[in-house]
Amino acid sequence: MQRYYPIMISVEHSRCIVVGGGAVGERRTGGLLEAGADVVLVCPEIVSARLREWKEAGAIRHLPKPFSPDDLEGAALVIAATGADELNGWICDEAKRRGIPANSASDGSRGELYRACRSPQRRVAVDRRHLWRRTGLVSPHRERIERAIRARICRADTKAGHPAAARAGGGRRGA
């Protein structure tokens, strides 16, 4: 079993490659854009309407072609979200050979990193692999776990007078 060291990574102004133009690629791209990354989407065709909007708005660059290892040039991070396990694994292997951290959306063990589960307010990140190994509960109970964590944070923010607590209803909404 691989061992991991929990970290957060700054990708602001960094070239991040997302391979795959569907729903998963859209979610990963959205998170990278929120983090200030320079996102390059590699896929022959963009399936997601939101990805098309981001492309048209100039928020992302699109390379309308199949993935090639040359696409990794200058990348700080790679996310393989093609919907094909074998292809995602190959993309991660190519990134690893070049010393670039990579994530496979279909099989996290193929890359060198995996994504944490974040709350909608983006204030909490939960290590879903650890929870799954320990409890087997992440997928079926993810919303309940997030609500419980969000409620505790909002209660703590309310006590501390944090302005986000007022917007979130002092921890009562969704709890």
N, C-alpha and C. Protein backbone atom coordinates (compact mmCIF):
# COMPACT_ATOMS: atom_id res chain seq x y z
N MET A 1 0.83 -1.18 0.00
CA MET A 1 0.00 0.00 0.00
C MET A 1 0.88 1.25 0.00
N GLN A 2 0.53 2.21 -0.86
CA GLN A 2 1.27 3.46 -0.91
C GLN A 2 1.01 4.27 0.35
N ARG A 3 2.01 5.04 0.75
CA ARG A 3 1.85 5.96 1.86
C ARG A 3 1.83 7.37 1.31
N TYR A 4 1.04 8.23 1.91
CA TYR A 4 0.90 9.60 1.44
C TYR A 4 1.21 10.58 2.55
N TYR A 5 1.69 11.74 2.15
CA TYR A 5 1.91 12.86 3.05
C TYR A 5 0.89 13.92 2.68
N PRO A 6 -0.01 14.27 3.59
CA PRO A 6 -1.08 15.23 3.23
C PRO A 6 -0.53 16.64 3.04
N ILE A 7 -0.77 17.21 1.86
CA ILE A 7 -0.33 18.57 1.57
C ILE A 7 -1.40 19.29 0.77
N MET A 8 -1.29 20.59 0.71
CA MET A 8 -2.07 21.41 -0.20
C MET A 8 -1.03 21.98 -1.17
N ILE A 9 -1.40 22.17 -2.41
CA ILE A 9 -0.45 22.65 -3.40
C ILE A 9 -0.97 23.95 -4.02
N SER A 10 -0.09 24.92 -4.13
CA SER A 10 -0.45 26.17 -4.79
C SER A 10 -0.21 25.99 -6.29
N VAL A 11 -1.25 26.24 -7.07
CA VAL A 11 -1.13 26.14 -8.52
C VAL A 11 -1.37 27.49 -9.19
N GLU A 12 -1.45 28.54 -8.39
CA GLU A 12 -1.72 29.86 -8.94
C GLU A 12 -0.66 30.22 -9.98
N HIS A 13 -1.12 30.63 -11.15
CA HIS A 13 -0.27 31.01 -12.29
C HIS A 13 0.57 29.85 -12.82
N SER A 14 0.22 28.63 -12.49
CA SER A 14 0.96 27.46 -12.95
C SER A 14 0.18 26.77 -14.06
N ARG A 15 0.92 26.23 -15.02
CA ARG A 15 0.29 25.50 -16.13
C ARG A 15 -0.16 24.13 -15.62
N CYS A 16 -1.45 23.91 -15.67
CA CYS A 16 -2.03 22.64 -15.23
C CYS A 16 -2.77 22.02 -16.41
N ILE A 17 -2.49 20.76 -16.67
CA ILE A 17 -3.08 20.06 -17.80
C ILE A 17 -4.24 19.20 -17.31
N VAL A 18 -5.38 19.35 -17.95
CA VAL A 18 -6.52 18.47 -17.70
C VAL A 18 -6.79 17.75 -19.02
N VAL A 19 -6.75 16.42 -18.98
CA VAL A 19 -7.00 15.63 -20.17
C VAL A 19 -8.40 15.02 -20.04
N GLY A 20 -9.32 15.49 -20.88
CA GLY A 20 -10.69 15.01 -20.85
C GLY A 20 -11.67 16.16 -20.80
N GLY A 21 -12.63 16.16 -21.73
CA GLY A 21 -13.56 17.27 -21.86
C GLY A 21 -14.97 17.00 -21.39
N GLY A 22 -15.14 16.02 -20.50
CA GLY A 22 -16.47 15.68 -20.00
C GLY A 22 -16.75 16.27 -18.63
N ALA A 23 -17.70 15.66 -17.93
CA ALA A 23 -18.15 16.17 -16.63
C ALA A 23 -17.05 16.15 -15.58
N VAL A 24 -16.24 15.09 -15.55
CA VAL A 24 -15.17 15.02 -14.56
C VAL A 24 -14.10 16.05 -14.87
N GLY A 25 -13.74 16.18 -16.15
CA GLY A 25 -12.79 17.21 -16.55
C GLY A 25 -13.29 18.60 -16.18
N GLU A 26 -14.59 18.80 -16.30
CA GLU A 26 -15.20 20.09 -15.92
C GLU A 26 -15.02 20.36 -14.43
N ARG A 27 -15.31 19.36 -13.60
CA ARG A 27 -15.16 19.56 -12.15
C ARG A 27 -13.72 19.84 -11.77
N ARG A 28 -12.79 19.08 -12.35
CA ARG A 28 -11.38 19.29 -12.02
C ARG A 28 -10.91 20.66 -12.51
N THR A 29 -11.34 21.04 -13.71
CA THR A 29 -10.97 22.34 -14.27
C THR A 29 -11.51 23.46 -13.40
N GLY A 30 -12.75 23.34 -12.95
CA GLY A 30 -13.35 24.35 -12.09
C GLY A 30 -12.55 24.57 -10.82
N GLY A 31 -12.12 23.49 -10.20
CA GLY A 31 -11.30 23.61 -8.99
C GLY A 31 -9.97 24.27 -9.26
N LEU A 32 -9.35 23.92 -10.39
CA LEU A 32 -8.07 24.54 -10.75
C LEU A 32 -8.24 26.03 -11.04
N LEU A 33 -9.32 26.40 -11.72
CA LEU A 33 -9.57 27.82 -12.00
C LEU A 33 -9.77 28.59 -10.70
N GLU A 34 -10.50 28.00 -9.75
CA GLU A 34 -10.69 28.64 -8.45
C GLU A 34 -9.36 28.87 -7.75
N ALA A 35 -8.41 27.98 -7.98
CA ALA A 35 -7.10 28.09 -7.35
C ALA A 35 -6.15 28.99 -8.15
N GLY A 36 -6.63 29.57 -9.25
CA GLY A 36 -5.83 30.51 -10.02
C GLY A 36 -4.88 29.88 -11.02
N ALA A 37 -5.11 28.62 -11.37
CA ALA A 37 -4.23 27.93 -12.31
C ALA A 37 -4.44 28.39 -13.74
N ASP A 38 -3.40 28.22 -14.54
CA ASP A 38 -3.46 28.42 -15.99
C ASP A 38 -3.79 27.04 -16.57
N VAL A 39 -5.06 26.81 -16.88
CA VAL A 39 -5.52 25.48 -17.27
C VAL A 39 -5.46 25.29 -18.78
N VAL A 40 -4.85 24.17 -19.17
CA VAL A 40 -4.83 23.75 -20.56
C VAL A 40 -5.62 22.44 -20.64
N LEU A 41 -6.70 22.46 -21.42
CA LEU A 41 -7.56 21.30 -21.59
C LEU A 41 -7.14 20.58 -22.87
N VAL A 42 -6.84 19.30 -22.74
CA VAL A 42 -6.43 18.49 -23.90
C VAL A 42 -7.51 17.44 -24.15
N CYS A 43 -8.19 17.57 -25.29
CA CYS A 43 -9.20 16.58 -25.69
C CYS A 43 -9.63 16.92 -27.11
N PRO A 44 -9.94 15.90 -27.90
CA PRO A 44 -10.37 16.17 -29.27
C PRO A 44 -11.65 16.99 -29.33
N GLU A 45 -12.56 16.74 -28.38
CA GLU A 45 -13.85 17.42 -28.41
C GLU A 45 -14.27 17.76 -26.98
N ILE A 46 -14.77 18.98 -26.79
CA ILE A 46 -15.29 19.38 -25.48
C ILE A 46 -16.76 18.97 -25.41
N VAL A 47 -17.09 18.12 -24.45
CA VAL A 47 -18.45 17.64 -24.27
C VAL A 47 -19.22 18.55 -23.32
N SER A 48 -18.56 19.03 -22.30
CA SER A 48 -19.19 19.84 -21.26
C SER A 48 -19.49 21.27 -21.74
N ALA A 49 -20.71 21.72 -21.52
CA ALA A 49 -21.09 23.08 -21.90
C ALA A 49 -20.29 24.11 -21.12
N ARG A 50 -20.07 23.85 -19.84
CA ARG A 50 -19.31 24.80 -19.01
C ARG A 50 -17.86 24.92 -19.50
N LEU A 51 -17.25 23.80 -19.87
CA LEU A 51 -15.89 23.87 -20.42
C LEU A 51 -15.86 24.71 -21.69
N ARG A 52 -16.89 24.56 -22.53
CA ARG A 52 -16.96 25.38 -23.75
C ARG A 52 -17.08 26.86 -23.39
N GLU A 53 -17.90 27.17 -22.38
CA GLU A 53 -18.03 28.56 -21.94
C GLU A 53 -16.70 29.11 -21.45
N TRP A 54 -15.99 28.33 -20.64
CA TRP A 54 -14.69 28.79 -20.13
C TRP A 54 -13.71 29.00 -21.28
N LYS A 55 -13.76 28.12 -22.27
CA LYS A 55 -12.88 28.28 -23.43
C LYS A 55 -13.22 29.57 -24.17
N GLU A 56 -14.51 29.78 -24.45
CA GLU A 56 -14.93 30.98 -25.19
C GLU A 56 -14.63 32.26 -24.43
N ALA A 57 -14.66 32.20 -23.10
CA ALA A 57 -14.37 33.37 -22.27
C ALA A 57 -12.87 33.59 -22.10
N GLY A 58 -12.06 32.64 -22.59
CA GLY A 58 -10.61 32.77 -22.47
C GLY A 58 -10.08 32.34 -21.11
N ALA A 59 -10.90 31.68 -20.30
CA ALA A 59 -10.46 31.24 -18.98
C ALA A 59 -9.55 30.02 -19.05
N ILE A 60 -9.71 29.22 -20.10
CA ILE A 60 -8.86 28.05 -20.31
C ILE A 60 -8.40 28.02 -21.76
N ARG A 61 -7.30 27.32 -21.98
CA ARG A 61 -6.84 27.05 -23.35
C ARG A 61 -7.25 25.63 -23.70
N HIS A 62 -7.62 25.41 -24.96
CA HIS A 62 -8.03 24.09 -25.41
C HIS A 62 -7.11 23.62 -26.52
N LEU A 63 -6.55 22.44 -26.36
CA LEU A 63 -5.79 21.80 -27.43
C LEU A 63 -6.70 20.71 -27.99
N PRO A 64 -7.35 20.97 -29.14
CA PRO A 64 -8.35 20.04 -29.69
C PRO A 64 -7.70 18.85 -30.40
N LYS A 65 -7.15 17.93 -29.61
CA LYS A 65 -6.44 16.78 -30.17
C LYS A 65 -6.33 15.70 -29.10
N PRO A 66 -5.99 14.49 -29.51
CA PRO A 66 -5.72 13.46 -28.50
C PRO A 66 -4.47 13.82 -27.69
N PHE A 67 -4.39 13.32 -26.48
CA PHE A 67 -3.25 13.57 -25.62
C PHE A 67 -1.97 13.03 -26.22
N SER A 68 -0.89 13.79 -26.05
CA SER A 68 0.46 13.37 -26.43
C SER A 68 1.37 13.71 -25.26
N PRO A 69 2.38 12.90 -24.97
CA PRO A 69 3.30 13.23 -23.89
C PRO A 69 3.94 14.62 -24.04
N ASP A 70 4.05 15.11 -25.28
CA ASP A 70 4.59 16.46 -25.50
C ASP A 70 3.71 17.54 -24.87
N ASP A 71 2.43 17.24 -24.63
CA ASP A 71 1.52 18.21 -24.01
C ASP A 71 1.92 18.54 -22.58
N LEU A 72 2.76 17.71 -21.97
CA LEU A 72 3.16 17.90 -20.58
C LEU A 72 4.25 18.94 -20.40
N GLU A 73 4.82 19.41 -21.49
CA GLU A 73 5.91 20.38 -21.43
C GLU A 73 5.50 21.59 -20.59
N GLY A 74 6.27 21.87 -19.55
CA GLY A 74 6.04 23.04 -18.71
C GLY A 74 4.91 22.91 -17.70
N ALA A 75 4.33 21.73 -17.59
CA ALA A 75 3.20 21.54 -16.67
C ALA A 75 3.67 21.39 -15.23
N ALA A 76 2.89 21.95 -14.32
CA ALA A 76 3.15 21.81 -12.89
C ALA A 76 2.30 20.69 -12.29
N LEU A 77 1.20 20.36 -12.98
CA LEU A 77 0.25 19.37 -12.48
C LEU A 77 -0.53 18.80 -13.66
N VAL A 78 -0.87 17.51 -13.57
CA VAL A 78 -1.63 16.86 -14.63
C VAL A 78 -2.80 16.11 -14.01
N ILE A 79 -3.97 16.27 -14.61
CA ILE A 79 -5.15 15.52 -14.18
C ILE A 79 -5.68 14.76 -15.39
N ALA A 80 -5.73 13.44 -15.25
CA ALA A 80 -6.23 12.57 -16.32
C ALA A 80 -7.68 12.24 -16.02
N ALA A 81 -8.58 12.78 -16.83
CA ALA A 81 -10.02 12.61 -16.62
C ALA A 81 -10.70 12.21 -17.92
N THR A 82 -10.16 11.18 -18.56
CA THR A 82 -10.65 10.79 -19.88
C THR A 82 -11.85 9.87 -19.84
N GLY A 83 -12.09 9.24 -18.70
CA GLY A 83 -13.15 8.23 -18.63
C GLY A 83 -12.66 6.85 -19.02
N ALA A 84 -11.38 6.72 -19.35
CA ALA A 84 -10.79 5.44 -19.72
C ALA A 84 -9.64 5.13 -18.77
N ASP A 85 -9.81 4.12 -17.93
CA ASP A 85 -8.81 3.81 -16.90
C ASP A 85 -7.41 3.63 -17.45
N GLU A 86 -7.29 2.85 -18.51
CA GLU A 86 -5.97 2.55 -19.07
C GLU A 86 -5.30 3.81 -19.60
N LEU A 87 -6.06 4.65 -20.30
CA LEU A 87 -5.51 5.90 -20.82
C LEU A 87 -5.12 6.83 -19.67
N ASN A 88 -5.97 6.94 -18.67
CA ASN A 88 -5.63 7.78 -17.52
C ASN A 88 -4.35 7.30 -16.86
N GLY A 89 -4.20 5.98 -16.72
CA GLY A 89 -2.98 5.43 -16.14
C GLY A 89 -1.75 5.76 -16.95
N TRP A 90 -1.86 5.65 -18.26
CA TRP A 90 -0.73 5.97 -19.14
C TRP A 90 -0.35 7.44 -19.02
N ILE A 91 -1.34 8.31 -18.99
CA ILE A 91 -1.08 9.75 -18.84
C ILE A 91 -0.34 10.01 -17.53
N CYS A 92 -0.79 9.39 -16.45
CA CYS A 92 -0.13 9.56 -15.15
C CYS A 92 1.30 9.01 -15.18
N ASP A 93 1.49 7.87 -15.83
CA ASP A 93 2.83 7.30 -15.96
C ASP A 93 3.77 8.25 -16.71
N GLU A 94 3.27 8.85 -17.78
CA GLU A 94 4.08 9.80 -18.56
C GLU A 94 4.43 11.02 -17.72
N ALA A 95 3.48 11.51 -16.94
CA ALA A 95 3.74 12.65 -16.07
C ALA A 95 4.79 12.28 -15.02
N LYS A 96 4.63 11.12 -14.43
CA LYS A 96 5.56 10.66 -13.39
C LYS A 96 6.98 10.56 -13.94
N ARG A 97 7.14 10.05 -15.16
CA ARG A 97 8.47 9.95 -15.78
C ARG A 97 9.13 11.31 -15.90
N ARG A 98 8.32 12.36 -16.02
CA ARG A 98 8.84 13.73 -16.16
C ARG A 98 8.89 14.47 -14.82
N GLY A 99 8.54 13.80 -13.74
CA GLY A 99 8.57 14.43 -12.42
C GLY A 99 7.43 15.40 -12.18
N ILE A 100 6.30 15.20 -12.86
CA ILE A 100 5.14 16.08 -12.72
C ILE A 100 4.08 15.34 -11.90
N PRO A 101 3.60 15.94 -10.82
CA PRO A 101 2.54 15.29 -10.05
C PRO A 101 1.29 15.11 -10.92
N ALA A 102 0.66 13.94 -10.78
CA ALA A 102 -0.51 13.64 -11.61
C ALA A 102 -1.58 12.95 -10.78
N ASN A 103 -2.81 13.09 -11.25
CA ASN A 103 -3.96 12.45 -10.63
C ASN A 103 -4.78 11.78 -11.71
N SER A 104 -5.14 10.53 -11.47
CA SER A 104 -6.07 9.82 -12.35
C SER A 104 -7.45 9.90 -11.72
N ALA A 105 -8.39 10.49 -12.44
CA ALA A 105 -9.75 10.63 -11.92
C ALA A 105 -10.41 9.27 -11.72
N SER A 106 -9.98 8.26 -12.47
CA SER A 106 -10.63 6.95 -12.39
C SER A 106 -9.95 6.00 -11.41
N ASP A 107 -8.67 6.19 -11.14
CA ASP A 107 -7.94 5.29 -10.25
C ASP A 107 -6.81 6.07 -9.60
N GLY A 108 -7.08 6.62 -8.43
CA GLY A 108 -6.11 7.47 -7.75
C GLY A 108 -4.77 6.81 -7.49
N SER A 109 -4.73 5.47 -7.42
CA SER A 109 -3.47 4.80 -7.15
C SER A 109 -2.50 4.90 -8.33
N ARG A 110 -2.99 5.27 -9.51
CA ARG A 110 -2.11 5.38 -10.68
C ARG A 110 -1.29 6.65 -10.67
N GLY A 111 -1.77 7.69 -10.03
CA GLY A 111 -1.04 8.94 -9.98
C GLY A 111 -0.27 9.08 -8.69
N GLU A 112 0.40 10.20 -8.55
CA GLU A 112 1.18 10.45 -7.34
C GLU A 112 0.39 11.25 -6.31
N LEU A 113 -0.80 11.65 -6.65
CA LEU A 113 -1.60 12.41 -5.71
C LEU A 113 -3.06 12.11 -5.95
N TYR A 114 -3.86 12.48 -4.99
CA TYR A 114 -5.30 12.37 -5.15
C TYR A 114 -5.93 13.59 -4.51
N ARG A 115 -7.15 13.86 -4.92
CA ARG A 115 -7.84 15.06 -4.45
C ARG A 115 -8.57 14.79 -3.15
N ALA A 116 -8.58 15.81 -2.31
CA ALA A 116 -9.37 15.74 -1.09
C ALA A 116 -10.81 16.12 -1.42
N CYS A 117 -11.73 15.70 -0.61
CA CYS A 117 -13.13 16.07 -0.73
C CYS A 117 -13.29 17.42 -0.04
N ARG A 118 -13.83 18.42 -0.76
CA ARG A 118 -13.96 19.76 -0.18
C ARG A 118 -15.42 20.08 0.10
N SER A 119 -15.63 20.90 1.12
CA SER A 119 -16.99 21.36 1.40
C SER A 119 -17.38 22.39 0.36
N PRO A 120 -18.68 22.64 0.16
CA PRO A 120 -19.10 23.63 -0.84
C PRO A 120 -18.53 25.02 -0.59
N GLN A 121 -18.30 25.37 0.67
CA GLN A 121 -17.73 26.68 0.97
C GLN A 121 -16.22 26.71 0.76
N ARG A 122 -15.64 25.58 0.42
CA ARG A 122 -14.20 25.45 0.13
C ARG A 122 -13.35 25.77 1.36
N ARG A 123 -13.92 25.59 2.56
CA ARG A 123 -13.17 25.90 3.76
C ARG A 123 -12.63 24.65 4.43
N VAL A 124 -13.08 23.48 4.00
CA VAL A 124 -12.64 22.23 4.62
C VAL A 124 -12.29 21.23 3.53
N ALA A 125 -11.18 20.54 3.70
CA ALA A 125 -10.81 19.46 2.80
C ALA A 125 -10.72 18.18 3.63
N VAL A 126 -11.34 17.13 3.15
CA VAL A 126 -11.36 15.86 3.86
C VAL A 126 -10.65 14.82 3.02
N ASP A 127 -9.78 14.06 3.66
CA ASP A 127 -9.06 12.98 2.99
C ASP A 127 -10.02 11.80 2.82
N ARG A 128 -10.64 11.72 1.63
CA ARG A 128 -11.67 10.70 1.43
C ARG A 128 -11.08 9.29 1.41
N ARG A 129 -9.85 9.11 0.98
CA ARG A 129 -9.26 7.77 0.97
C ARG A 129 -9.11 7.25 2.39
N HIS A 130 -8.61 8.12 3.27
CA HIS A 130 -8.43 7.71 4.66
C HIS A 130 -9.78 7.33 5.27
N LEU A 131 -10.80 8.16 5.05
CA LEU A 131 -12.12 7.86 5.60
C LEU A 131 -12.66 6.55 5.02
N TRP A 132 -12.44 6.34 3.73
CA TRP A 132 -12.97 5.12 3.11
C TRP A 132 -12.29 3.89 3.69
N ARG A 133 -10.95 3.94 3.81
CA ARG A 133 -10.23 2.79 4.36
C ARG A 133 -10.65 2.52 5.80
N ARG A 134 -10.84 3.59 6.57
CA ARG A 134 -11.17 3.43 7.98
C ARG A 134 -12.63 3.06 8.21
N THR A 135 -13.52 3.59 7.39
CA THR A 135 -14.94 3.43 7.69
C THR A 135 -15.76 2.82 6.57
N GLY A 136 -15.29 2.92 5.33
CA GLY A 136 -16.08 2.46 4.19
C GLY A 136 -17.31 3.31 3.93
N LEU A 137 -17.31 4.54 4.45
CA LEU A 137 -18.53 5.35 4.43
C LEU A 137 -18.51 6.55 3.50
N VAL A 138 -17.42 6.85 2.84
CA VAL A 138 -17.35 8.12 2.14
C VAL A 138 -18.42 8.29 1.09
N SER A 139 -18.50 7.40 0.12
CA SER A 139 -19.47 7.61 -0.96
C SER A 139 -20.91 7.65 -0.47
N PRO A 140 -21.37 6.65 0.30
CA PRO A 140 -22.77 6.68 0.70
C PRO A 140 -23.11 7.79 1.69
N HIS A 141 -22.14 8.29 2.41
CA HIS A 141 -22.43 9.24 3.47
C HIS A 141 -21.71 10.58 3.31
N ARG A 142 -21.21 10.86 2.12
CA ARG A 142 -20.42 12.06 1.90
C ARG A 142 -21.18 13.33 2.30
N GLU A 143 -22.43 13.45 1.86
CA GLU A 143 -23.20 14.66 2.18
C GLU A 143 -23.38 14.82 3.68
N ARG A 144 -23.67 13.73 4.37
CA ARG A 144 -23.86 13.81 5.81
C ARG A 144 -22.57 14.21 6.52
N ILE A 145 -21.44 13.66 6.08
CA ILE A 145 -20.15 14.02 6.65
C ILE A 145 -19.88 15.50 6.42
N GLU A 146 -20.10 15.98 5.19
CA GLU A 146 -19.86 17.39 4.88
C GLU A 146 -20.76 18.30 5.70
N ARG A 147 -22.04 17.94 5.86
CA ARG A 147 -22.96 18.76 6.66
C ARG A 147 -22.49 18.85 8.10
N ALA A 148 -22.05 17.72 8.65
CA ALA A 148 -21.59 17.72 10.04
C ALA A 148 -20.35 18.58 10.21
N ILE A 149 -19.41 18.47 9.29
CA ILE A 149 -18.20 19.28 9.38
C ILE A 149 -18.54 20.75 9.21
N ARG A 150 -19.38 21.06 8.22
CA ARG A 150 -19.77 22.44 7.96
C ARG A 150 -20.47 23.04 9.19
N ALA A 151 -21.33 22.27 9.83
CA ALA A 151 -22.05 22.76 11.01
C ALA A 151 -21.09 23.08 12.14
N ARG A 152 -20.10 22.23 12.35
CA ARG A 152 -19.12 22.49 13.42
C ARG A 152 -18.30 23.74 13.12
N ILE A 153 -17.90 23.91 11.86
CA ILE A 153 -17.12 25.09 11.50
C ILE A 153 -17.96 26.35 11.67
N CYS A 154 -19.21 26.30 11.23
CA CYS A 154 -20.07 27.47 11.36
C CYS A 154 -20.30 27.83 12.81
N ARG A 155 -20.48 26.81 13.68
CA ARG A 155 -20.65 27.10 15.10
C ARG A 155 -19.40 27.75 15.67
N ALA A 156 -18.23 27.23 15.28
CA ALA A 156 -16.97 27.83 15.75
C ALA A 156 -16.82 29.25 15.22
N ASP A 157 -17.19 29.47 13.96
CA ASP A 157 -17.10 30.81 13.37
C ASP A 157 -18.05 31.77 14.07
N THR A 158 -19.24 31.28 14.44
CA THR A 158 -20.21 32.13 15.12
C THR A 158 -19.64 32.59 16.46
N LYS A 159 -19.05 31.67 17.19
CA LYS A 159 -18.44 32.01 18.48
C LYS A 159 -17.31 33.03 18.29
N ALA A 160 -16.57 32.90 17.19
CA ALA A 160 -15.44 33.80 16.94
C ALA A 160 -15.86 35.08 16.24
N GLY A 161 -17.15 35.19 15.86
CA GLY A 161 -17.63 36.39 15.17
C GLY A 161 -17.22 36.46 13.71
N HIS A 162 -16.93 35.33 13.09
CA HIS A 162 -16.49 35.30 11.69
C HIS A 162 -17.67 35.65 10.77
N PRO A 163 -17.49 36.55 9.78
CA PRO A 163 -18.59 36.96 8.91
C PRO A 163 -19.18 35.82 8.08
N ALA A 164 -18.41 34.79 7.78
CA ALA A 164 -18.93 33.68 6.98
C ALA A 164 -20.03 32.93 7.72
N ALA A 165 -20.00 32.97 9.05
CA ALA A 165 -21.01 32.27 9.83
C ALA A 165 -22.39 32.86 9.60
N ALA A 166 -22.46 34.16 9.48
CA ALA A 166 -23.76 34.81 9.24
C ALA A 166 -24.31 34.40 7.87
N ARG A 167 -23.44 34.33 6.86
CA ARG A 167 -23.88 33.93 5.52
C ARG A 167 -24.34 32.48 5.50
N ALA A 168 -23.72 31.65 6.31
CA ALA A 168 -24.04 30.22 6.31
C ALA A 168 -25.14 29.89 7.31
N GLY A 169 -25.71 30.88 7.95
CA GLY A 169 -26.81 30.62 8.88
C GLY A 169 -26.36 30.11 10.22
N GLY A 170 -25.13 30.44 10.61
CA GLY A 170 -24.66 30.07 11.94
C GLY A 170 -24.57 28.58 12.17
N GLY A 171 -24.47 27.81 11.12
CA GLY A 171 -24.28 26.37 11.26
C GLY A 171 -25.57 25.59 11.22
N ARG A 172 -26.72 26.25 11.15
CA ARG A 172 -27.99 25.53 11.17
C ARG A 172 -28.41 25.06 9.78
N ARG A 173 -28.01 25.77 8.74
CA ARG A 173 -28.44 25.41 7.39
C ARG A 173 -27.78 24.10 6.97
N GLY A 174 -28.59 23.15 6.59
CA GLY A 174 -28.08 21.88 6.07
C GLY A 174 -27.55 20.96 7.14
N ALA A 175 -27.60 21.37 8.39
CA ALA A 175 -27.06 20.52 9.45
C ALA A 175 -28.11 19.56 9.97
